[in-house]
Amino acid sequence: MKHLVEIFRSSRKEEMYLYVEKANGLKDVPEILMKQFGEPESVMTLVLEPTRKLARVSTAEVLEGLERNGFFLQMPPTAAELLRREGSRE
């Protein structure tokens, strides 16, 4: 099944992103999360389906979060992930 998803970047935390169904916007995101997230900046709209690959997160996880919560929060990478990312560039 295809989903039209809008992705927002956090104004408070680098590399934190919020995925929502484009049709619903941010209405399903809890107020407390929005306060911590800061001013959302729309960065991309895309058609998301199970076969699509994403850079840092599993498509299945995003789709599950959208179905369960109405949104998916992608957290910034951990120190270990950053080290692996740097190691793969060499």
PDB file of N, CA and C in Angstrom:
ATOM      1  N   MET A   1       0.840  -1.183   0.000  1.00  0.00           N
ATOM      2  CA  MET A   1       0.000   0.000   0.000  1.00  0.00           C
ATOM      3  C   MET A   1       0.889   1.252   0.000  1.00  0.00           C
ATOM      4  N   LYS A   2       0.502   2.240  -0.785  1.00  0.00           N
ATOM      5  CA  LYS A   2       1.263   3.481  -0.895  1.00  0.00           C
ATOM      6  C   LYS A   2       0.726   4.537   0.061  1.00  0.00           C
ATOM      7  N   HIS A   3       1.652   5.336   0.605  1.00  0.00           N
ATOM      8  CA  HIS A   3       1.292   6.432   1.502  1.00  0.00           C
ATOM      9  C   HIS A   3       1.977   7.700   1.006  1.00  0.00           C
ATOM     10  N   LEU A   4       1.236   8.784   0.961  1.00  0.00           N
ATOM     11  CA  LEU A   4       1.828  10.081   0.654  1.00  0.00           C
ATOM     12  C   LEU A   4       2.250  10.688   1.986  1.00  0.00           C
ATOM     13  N   VAL A   5       3.566  10.811   2.173  1.00  0.00           N
ATOM     14  CA  VAL A   5       4.145  11.182   3.463  1.00  0.00           C
ATOM     15  C   VAL A   5       4.867  12.518   3.351  1.00  0.00           C
ATOM     16  N   GLU A   6       4.678  13.366   4.370  1.00  0.00           N
ATOM     17  CA  GLU A   6       5.434  14.611   4.465  1.00  0.00           C
ATOM     18  C   GLU A   6       6.425  14.457   5.609  1.00  0.00           C
ATOM     19  N   ILE A   7       7.651  14.922   5.375  1.00  0.00           N
ATOM     20  CA  ILE A   7       8.715  14.801   6.366  1.00  0.00           C
ATOM     21  C   ILE A   7       9.102  16.201   6.832  1.00  0.00           C
ATOM     22  N   PHE A   8       9.165  16.363   8.155  1.00  0.00           N
ATOM     23  CA  PHE A   8       9.521  17.637   8.765  1.00  0.00           C
ATOM     24  C   PHE A   8      10.833  17.493   9.519  1.00  0.00           C
ATOM     25  N   ARG A   9      11.641  18.542   9.479  1.00  0.00           N
ATOM     26  CA  ARG A   9      12.898  18.612  10.220  1.00  0.00           C
ATOM     27  C   ARG A   9      12.653  19.403  11.503  1.00  0.00           C
ATOM     28  N   SER A  10      13.291  18.984  12.577  1.00  0.00           N
ATOM     29  CA  SER A  10      13.188  19.683  13.854  1.00  0.00           C
ATOM     30  C   SER A  10      14.045  20.948  13.842  1.00  0.00           C
ATOM     31  N   SER A  11      13.527  22.013  14.418  1.00  0.00           N
ATOM     32  CA  SER A  11      14.304  23.246  14.553  1.00  0.00           C
ATOM     33  C   SER A  11      15.182  23.210  15.807  1.00  0.00           C
ATOM     34  N   ARG A  12      14.960  22.198  16.654  1.00  0.00           N
ATOM     35  CA  ARG A  12      15.691  22.126  17.927  1.00  0.00           C
ATOM     36  C   ARG A  12      16.779  21.066  17.960  1.00  0.00           C
ATOM     37  N   LYS A  13      16.626  20.013  17.192  1.00  0.00           N
ATOM     38  CA  LYS A  13      17.578  18.902  17.261  1.00  0.00           C
ATOM     39  C   LYS A  13      17.986  18.493  15.851  1.00  0.00           C
ATOM     40  N   GLU A  14      19.269  18.615  15.590  1.00  0.00           N
ATOM     41  CA  GLU A  14      19.800  18.259  14.284  1.00  0.00           C
ATOM     42  C   GLU A  14      19.555  16.776  13.987  1.00  0.00           C
ATOM     43  N   GLU A  15      19.184  16.483  12.770  1.00  0.00           N
ATOM     44  CA  GLU A  15      18.937  15.124  12.275  1.00  0.00           C
ATOM     45  C   GLU A  15      17.759  14.431  12.950  1.00  0.00           C
ATOM     46  N   MET A  16      16.808  15.199  13.474  1.00  0.00           N
ATOM     47  CA  MET A  16      15.563  14.642  13.990  1.00  0.00           C
ATOM     48  C   MET A  16      14.464  14.991  12.983  1.00  0.00           C
ATOM     49  N   TYR A  17      13.716  13.964  12.569  1.00  0.00           N
ATOM     50  CA  TYR A  17      12.685  14.151  11.548  1.00  0.00           C
ATOM     51  C   TYR A  17      11.379  13.522  11.987  1.00  0.00           C
ATOM     52  N   LEU A  18      10.288  14.113  11.523  1.00  0.00           N
ATOM     53  CA  LEU A  18       8.952  13.645  11.834  1.00  0.00           C
ATOM     54  C   LEU A  18       8.252  13.321  10.525  1.00  0.00           C
ATOM     55  N   TYR A  19       7.783  12.074  10.390  1.00  0.00           N
ATOM     56  CA  TYR A  19       7.062  11.618   9.205  1.00  0.00           C
ATOM     57  C   TYR A  19       5.575  11.594   9.544  1.00  0.00           C
ATOM     58  N   VAL A  20       4.750  12.173   8.667  1.00  0.00           N
ATOM     59  CA  VAL A  20       3.294  12.151   8.858  1.00  0.00           C
ATOM     60  C   VAL A  20       2.621  11.901   7.514  1.00  0.00           C
ATOM     61  N   GLU A  21       1.396  11.396   7.577  1.00  0.00           N
ATOM     62  CA  GLU A  21       0.595  11.278   6.357  1.00  0.00           C
ATOM     63  C   GLU A  21       0.296  12.692   5.885  1.00  0.00           C
ATOM     64  N   LYS A  22       0.551  12.974   4.624  1.00  0.00           N
ATOM     65  CA  LYS A  22       0.359  14.318   4.066  1.00  0.00           C
ATOM     66  C   LYS A  22      -1.072  14.809   4.298  1.00  0.00           C
ATOM     67  N   ALA A  23      -2.050  13.942   4.113  1.00  0.00           N
ATOM     68  CA  ALA A  23      -3.456  14.334   4.262  1.00  0.00           C
ATOM     69  C   ALA A  23      -3.810  14.754   5.683  1.00  0.00           C
ATOM     70  N   ASN A  24      -3.130  14.168   6.676  1.00  0.00           N
ATOM     71  CA  ASN A  24      -3.438  14.462   8.076  1.00  0.00           C
ATOM     72  C   ASN A  24      -2.577  15.584   8.655  1.00  0.00           C
ATOM     73  N   GLY A  25      -1.447  15.830   8.037  1.00  0.00           N
ATOM     74  CA  GLY A  25      -0.546  16.850   8.573  1.00  0.00           C
ATOM     75  C   GLY A  25      -0.077  16.479   9.971  1.00  0.00           C
ATOM     76  N   LEU A  26       0.080  17.471  10.806  1.00  0.00           N
ATOM     77  CA  LEU A  26       0.624  17.271  12.159  1.00  0.00           C
ATOM     78  C   LEU A  26      -0.446  17.064  13.225  1.00  0.00           C
ATOM     79  N   LYS A  27      -1.709  16.921  12.825  1.00  0.00           N
ATOM     80  CA  LYS A  27      -2.806  16.869  13.800  1.00  0.00           C
ATOM     81  C   LYS A  27      -2.736  15.688  14.767  1.00  0.00           C
ATOM     82  N   ASP A  28      -2.098  14.576  14.375  1.00  0.00           N
ATOM     83  CA  ASP A  28      -2.013  13.397  15.248  1.00  0.00           C
ATOM     84  C   ASP A  28      -0.781  13.400  16.152  1.00  0.00           C
ATOM     85  N   VAL A  29       0.083  14.392  15.998  1.00  0.00           N
ATOM     86  CA  VAL A  29       1.311  14.451  16.801  1.00  0.00           C
ATOM     87  C   VAL A  29       0.984  15.103  18.145  1.00  0.00           C
ATOM     88  N   PRO A  30       1.306  14.435  19.254  1.00  0.00           N
ATOM     89  CA  PRO A  30       0.995  14.994  20.580  1.00  0.00           C
ATOM     90  C   PRO A  30       1.657  16.363  20.787  1.00  0.00           C
ATOM     91  N   GLU A  31       0.953  17.231  21.489  1.00  0.00           N
ATOM     92  CA  GLU A  31       1.434  18.592  21.743  1.00  0.00           C
ATOM     93  C   GLU A  31       2.783  18.606  22.462  1.00  0.00           C
ATOM     94  N   ILE A  32       2.962  17.704  23.405  1.00  0.00           N
ATOM     95  CA  ILE A  32       4.216  17.669  24.152  1.00  0.00           C
ATOM     96  C   ILE A  32       5.396  17.333  23.231  1.00  0.00           C
ATOM     97  N   LEU A  33       5.169  16.454  22.269  1.00  0.00           N
ATOM     98  CA  LEU A  33       6.222  16.124  21.307  1.00  0.00           C
ATOM     99  C   LEU A  33       6.525  17.334  20.425  1.00  0.00           C
ATOM    100  N   MET A  34       5.494  18.041  20.001  1.00  0.00           N
ATOM    101  CA  MET A  34       5.701  19.219  19.153  1.00  0.00           C
ATOM    102  C   MET A  34       6.482  20.304  19.893  1.00  0.00           C
ATOM    103  N   LYS A  35       6.261  20.431  21.202  1.00  0.00           N
ATOM    104  CA  LYS A  35       7.028  21.409  21.989  1.00  0.00           C
ATOM    105  C   LYS A  35       8.507  21.051  22.009  1.00  0.00           C
ATOM    106  N   GLN A  36       8.804  19.776  22.162  1.00  0.00           N
ATOM    107  CA  GLN A  36      10.194  19.327  22.177  1.00  0.00           C
ATOM    108  C   GLN A  36      10.808  19.357  20.779  1.00  0.00           C
ATOM    109  N   PHE A  37      10.001  19.116  19.764  1.00  0.00           N
ATOM    110  CA  PHE A  37      10.466  19.077  18.382  1.00  0.00           C
ATOM    111  C   PHE A  37      10.815  20.467  17.872  1.00  0.00           C
ATOM    112  N   GLY A  38      10.075  21.466  18.350  1.00  0.00           N
ATOM    113  CA  GLY A  38      10.294  22.833  17.904  1.00  0.00           C
ATOM    114  C   GLY A  38       9.486  23.141  16.660  1.00  0.00           C
ATOM    115  N   GLU A  39       9.831  24.206  15.986  1.00  0.00           N
ATOM    116  CA  GLU A  39       9.123  24.631  14.780  1.00  0.00           C
ATOM    117  C   GLU A  39       9.420  23.632  13.654  1.00  0.00           C
ATOM    118  N   PRO A  40       8.387  22.925  13.165  1.00  0.00           N
ATOM    119  CA  PRO A  40       8.630  21.951  12.105  1.00  0.00           C
ATOM    120  C   PRO A  40       8.887  22.643  10.763  1.00  0.00           C
ATOM    121  N   GLU A  41       9.893  22.158  10.058  1.00  0.00           N
ATOM    122  CA  GLU A  41      10.215  22.687   8.729  1.00  0.00           C
ATOM    123  C   GLU A  41      10.022  21.554   7.720  1.00  0.00           C
ATOM    124  N   SER A  42       9.081  21.721   6.816  1.00  0.00           N
ATOM    125  CA  SER A  42       8.828  20.695   5.808  1.00  0.00           C
ATOM    126  C   SER A  42      10.037  20.584   4.888  1.00  0.00           C
ATOM    127  N   VAL A  43      10.547  19.357   4.744  1.00  0.00           N
ATOM    128  CA  VAL A  43      11.727  19.154   3.903  1.00  0.00           C
ATOM    129  C   VAL A  43      11.456  18.285   2.683  1.00  0.00           C
ATOM    130  N   MET A  44      10.390  17.471   2.736  1.00  0.00           N
ATOM    131  CA  MET A  44      10.156  16.571   1.620  1.00  0.00           C
ATOM    132  C   MET A  44       8.764  15.953   1.708  1.00  0.00           C
ATOM    133  N   THR A  45       8.190  15.700   0.546  1.00  0.00           N
ATOM    134  CA  THR A  45       6.981  14.900   0.444  1.00  0.00           C
ATOM    135  C   THR A  45       7.309  13.755  -0.495  1.00  0.00           C
ATOM    136  N   LEU A  46       6.951  12.538  -0.099  1.00  0.00           N
ATOM    137  CA  LEU A  46       7.255  11.397  -0.955  1.00  0.00           C
ATOM    138  C   LEU A  46       6.196  10.317  -0.842  1.00  0.00           C
ATOM    139  N   VAL A  47       6.145   9.486  -1.863  1.00  0.00           N
ATOM    140  CA  VAL A  47       5.260   8.323  -1.838  1.00  0.00           C
ATOM    141  C   VAL A  47       6.055   7.206  -1.186  1.00  0.00           C
ATOM    142  N   LEU A  48       5.527   6.707  -0.098  1.00  0.00           N
ATOM    143  CA  LEU A  48       6.219   5.664   0.660  1.00  0.00           C
ATOM    144  C   LEU A  48       5.447   4.361   0.519  1.00  0.00           C
ATOM    145  N   GLU A  49       6.160   3.328   0.085  1.00  0.00           N
ATOM    146  CA  GLU A  49       5.589   1.992  -0.015  1.00  0.00           C
ATOM    147  C   GLU A  49       6.615   1.007   0.520  1.00  0.00           C
ATOM    148  N   PRO A  50       6.198  -0.186   0.889  1.00  0.00           N
ATOM    149  CA  PRO A  50       7.098  -1.131   1.555  1.00  0.00           C
ATOM    150  C   PRO A  50       8.409  -1.406   0.819  1.00  0.00           C
ATOM    151  N   THR A  51       8.438  -1.308  -0.488  1.00  0.00           N
ATOM    152  CA  THR A  51       9.656  -1.631  -1.244  1.00  0.00           C
ATOM    153  C   THR A  51      10.636  -0.468  -1.338  1.00  0.00           C
ATOM    154  N   ARG A  52      10.227   0.714  -0.923  1.00  0.00           N
ATOM    155  CA  ARG A  52      11.100   1.884  -1.022  1.00  0.00           C
ATOM    156  C   ARG A  52      12.173   1.844   0.068  1.00  0.00           C
ATOM    157  N   LYS A  53      13.393   2.193  -0.298  1.00  0.00           N
ATOM    158  CA  LYS A  53      14.503   2.257   0.654  1.00  0.00           C
ATOM    159  C   LYS A  53      14.642   3.683   1.175  1.00  0.00           C
ATOM    160  N   LEU A  54      14.915   3.800   2.464  1.00  0.00           N
ATOM    161  CA  LEU A  54      15.185   5.084   3.088  1.00  0.00           C
ATOM    162  C   LEU A  54      16.622   5.066   3.604  1.00  0.00           C
ATOM    163  N   ALA A  55      17.210   6.240   3.754  1.00  0.00           N
ATOM    164  CA  ALA A  55      18.628   6.338   4.095  1.00  0.00           C
ATOM    165  C   ALA A  55      18.971   5.805   5.489  1.00  0.00           C
ATOM    166  N   ARG A  56      18.230   6.212   6.519  1.00  0.00           N
ATOM    167  CA  ARG A  56      18.653   5.899   7.883  1.00  0.00           C
ATOM    168  C   ARG A  56      17.653   5.114   8.705  1.00  0.00           C
ATOM    169  N   VAL A  57      16.519   4.825   8.138  1.00  0.00           N
ATOM    170  CA  VAL A  57      15.490   4.158   8.925  1.00  0.00           C
ATOM    171  C   VAL A  57      14.780   3.131   8.048  1.00  0.00           C
ATOM    172  N   SER A  58      14.252   2.114   8.670  1.00  0.00           N
ATOM    173  CA  SER A  58      13.538   1.067   7.954  1.00  0.00           C
ATOM    174  C   SER A  58      12.160   1.588   7.504  1.00  0.00           C
ATOM    175  N   THR A  59      11.837   1.347   6.258  1.00  0.00           N
ATOM    176  CA  THR A  59      10.528   1.746   5.732  1.00  0.00           C
ATOM    177  C   THR A  59       9.420   1.070   6.522  1.00  0.00           C
ATOM    178  N   ALA A  60       9.635  -0.196   6.898  1.00  0.00           N
ATOM    179  CA  ALA A  60       8.633  -0.922   7.677  1.00  0.00           C
ATOM    180  C   ALA A  60       8.366  -0.231   9.016  1.00  0.00           C
ATOM    181  N   GLU A  61       9.428   0.274   9.663  1.00  0.00           N
ATOM    182  CA  GLU A  61       9.263   0.985  10.940  1.00  0.00           C
ATOM    183  C   GLU A  61       8.434   2.257  10.759  1.00  0.00           C
ATOM    184  N   VAL A  62       8.712   2.993   9.689  1.00  0.00           N
ATOM    185  CA  VAL A  62       7.981   4.234   9.425  1.00  0.00           C
ATOM    186  C   VAL A  62       6.510   3.921   9.184  1.00  0.00           C
ATOM    187  N   LEU A  63       6.237   2.936   8.326  1.00  0.00           N
ATOM    188  CA  LEU A  63       4.845   2.589   8.022  1.00  0.00           C
ATOM    189  C   LEU A  63       4.107   2.089   9.260  1.00  0.00           C
ATOM    190  N   GLU A  64       4.797   1.323  10.102  1.00  0.00           N
ATOM    191  CA  GLU A  64       4.186   0.845  11.348  1.00  0.00           C
ATOM    192  C   GLU A  64       3.851   2.014  12.271  1.00  0.00           C
ATOM    193  N   GLY A  65       4.781   2.962  12.403  1.00  0.00           N
ATOM    194  CA  GLY A  65       4.538   4.141  13.236  1.00  0.00           C
ATOM    195  C   GLY A  65       3.386   4.978  12.709  1.00  0.00           C
ATOM    196  N   LEU A  66       3.309   5.130  11.408  1.00  0.00           N
ATOM    197  CA  LEU A  66       2.210   5.895  10.816  1.00  0.00           C
ATOM    198  C   LEU A  66       0.870   5.230  11.103  1.00  0.00           C
ATOM    199  N   GLU A  67       0.841   3.911  10.970  1.00  0.00           N
ATOM    200  CA  GLU A  67      -0.402   3.189  11.208  1.00  0.00           C
ATOM    201  C   GLU A  67      -0.782   3.200  12.682  1.00  0.00           C
ATOM    202  N   ARG A  68       0.190   2.971  13.554  1.00  0.00           N
ATOM    203  CA  ARG A  68      -0.085   2.863  14.988  1.00  0.00           C
ATOM    204  C   ARG A  68      -0.355   4.219  15.642  1.00  0.00           C
ATOM    205  N   ASN A  69       0.495   5.219  15.315  1.00  0.00           N
ATOM    206  CA  ASN A  69       0.446   6.498  16.029  1.00  0.00           C
ATOM    207  C   ASN A  69      -0.015   7.686  15.191  1.00  0.00           C
ATOM    208  N   GLY A  70       0.005   7.526  13.875  1.00  0.00           N
ATOM    209  CA  GLY A  70      -0.316   8.659  13.006  1.00  0.00           C
ATOM    210  C   GLY A  70       0.923   9.484  12.667  1.00  0.00           C
ATOM    211  N   PHE A  71       2.102   9.044  13.165  1.00  0.00           N
ATOM    212  CA  PHE A  71       3.361   9.732  12.884  1.00  0.00           C
ATOM    213  C   PHE A  71       4.512   8.777  13.184  1.00  0.00           C
ATOM    214  N   PHE A  72       5.700   9.122  12.684  1.00  0.00           N
ATOM    215  CA  PHE A  72       6.918   8.388  13.023  1.00  0.00           C
ATOM    216  C   PHE A  72       7.995   9.409  13.309  1.00  0.00           C
ATOM    217  N   LEU A  73       8.668   9.284  14.447  1.00  0.00           N
ATOM    218  CA  LEU A  73       9.744  10.188  14.837  1.00  0.00           C
ATOM    219  C   LEU A  73      11.081   9.504  14.595  1.00  0.00           C
ATOM    220  N   GLN A  74      11.889  10.090  13.711  1.00  0.00           N
ATOM    221  CA  GLN A  74      13.241   9.582  13.447  1.00  0.00           C
ATOM    222  C   GLN A  74      14.201  10.362  14.326  1.00  0.00           C
ATOM    223  N   MET A  75      14.839   9.652  15.245  1.00  0.00           N
ATOM    224  CA  MET A  75      15.756  10.281  16.184  1.00  0.00           C
ATOM    225  C   MET A  75      17.115  10.519  15.530  1.00  0.00           C
ATOM    226  N   PRO A  76      17.901  11.456  16.064  1.00  0.00           N
ATOM    227  CA  PRO A  76      19.260  11.661  15.563  1.00  0.00           C
ATOM    228  C   PRO A  76      20.093  10.394  15.757  1.00  0.00           C
ATOM    229  N   PRO A  77      21.128  10.222  14.950  1.00  0.00           N
ATOM    230  CA  PRO A  77      21.961   9.024  15.098  1.00  0.00           C
ATOM    231  C   PRO A  77      22.712   9.026  16.426  1.00  0.00           C
ATOM    232  N   THR A  78      22.970   7.834  16.938  1.00  0.00           N
ATOM    233  CA  THR A  78      23.764   7.693  18.160  1.00  0.00           C
ATOM    234  C   THR A  78      25.237   7.882  17.816  1.00  0.00           C
ATOM    235  N   ALA A  79      26.067   7.983  18.843  1.00  0.00           N
ATOM    236  CA  ALA A  79      27.508   8.129  18.625  1.00  0.00           C
ATOM    237  C   ALA A  79      28.057   6.941  17.837  1.00  0.00           C
ATOM    238  N   ALA A  80      27.593   5.736  18.161  1.00  0.00           N
ATOM    239  CA  ALA A  80      28.057   4.531  17.459  1.00  0.00           C
ATOM    240  C   ALA A  80      27.672   4.576  15.985  1.00  0.00           C
ATOM    241  N   GLU A  81      26.453   5.030  15.702  1.00  0.00           N
ATOM    242  CA  GLU A  81      26.018   5.144  14.301  1.00  0.00           C
ATOM    243  C   GLU A  81      26.854   6.170  13.550  1.00  0.00           C
ATOM    244  N   LEU A  82      27.176   7.271  14.203  1.00  0.00           N
ATOM    245  CA  LEU A  82      28.009   8.295  13.568  1.00  0.00           C
ATOM    246  C   LEU A  82      29.400   7.753  13.265  1.00  0.00           C
ATOM    247  N   LEU A  83      29.958   6.978  14.186  1.00  0.00           N
ATOM    248  CA  LEU A  83      31.273   6.379  13.964  1.00  0.00           C
ATOM    249  C   LEU A  83      31.241   5.392  12.794  1.00  0.00           C
ATOM    250  N   ARG A  84      30.199   4.579  12.724  1.00  0.00           N
ATOM    251  CA  ARG A  84      30.062   3.639  11.604  1.00  0.00           C
ATOM    252  C   ARG A  84      29.929   4.388  10.291  1.00  0.00           C
ATOM    253  N   ARG A  85      29.156   5.488  10.299  1.00  0.00           N
ATOM    254  CA  ARG A  85      28.956   6.285   9.099  1.00  0.00           C
ATOM    255  C   ARG A  85      30.287   6.856   8.630  1.00  0.00           C
ATOM    256  N   GLU A  86      31.085   7.376   9.550  1.00  0.00           N
ATOM    257  CA  GLU A  86      32.399   7.941   9.197  1.00  0.00           C
ATOM    258  C   GLU A  86      33.333   6.847   8.695  1.00  0.00           C
ATOM    259  N   GLY A  87      33.305   5.678   9.329  1.00  0.00           N
ATOM    260  CA  GLY A  87      34.158   4.570   8.923  1.00  0.00           C
ATOM    261  C   GLY A  87      33.838   4.071   7.526  1.00  0.00           C
ATOM    262  N   SER A  88      32.572   4.151   7.127  1.00  0.00           N
ATOM    263  CA  SER A  88      32.180   3.659   5.801  1.00  0.00           C
ATOM    264  C   SER A  88      32.587   4.630   4.696  1.00  0.00           C
ATOM    265  N   ARG A  89      32.958   5.847   5.033  1.00  0.00           N
ATOM    266  CA  ARG A  89      33.363   6.847   4.031  1.00  0.00           C
ATOM    267  C   ARG A  89      34.816   6.684   3.627  1.00  0.00           C
ATOM    268  N   GLU A  90      35.589   6.003   4.457  1.00  0.00           N
ATOM    269  CA  GLU A  90      37.034   5.877   4.190  1.00  0.00           C
ATOM    270  C   GLU A  90      37.324   4.842   3.143  1.00  0.00           C
TER     271      GLU A  90
END
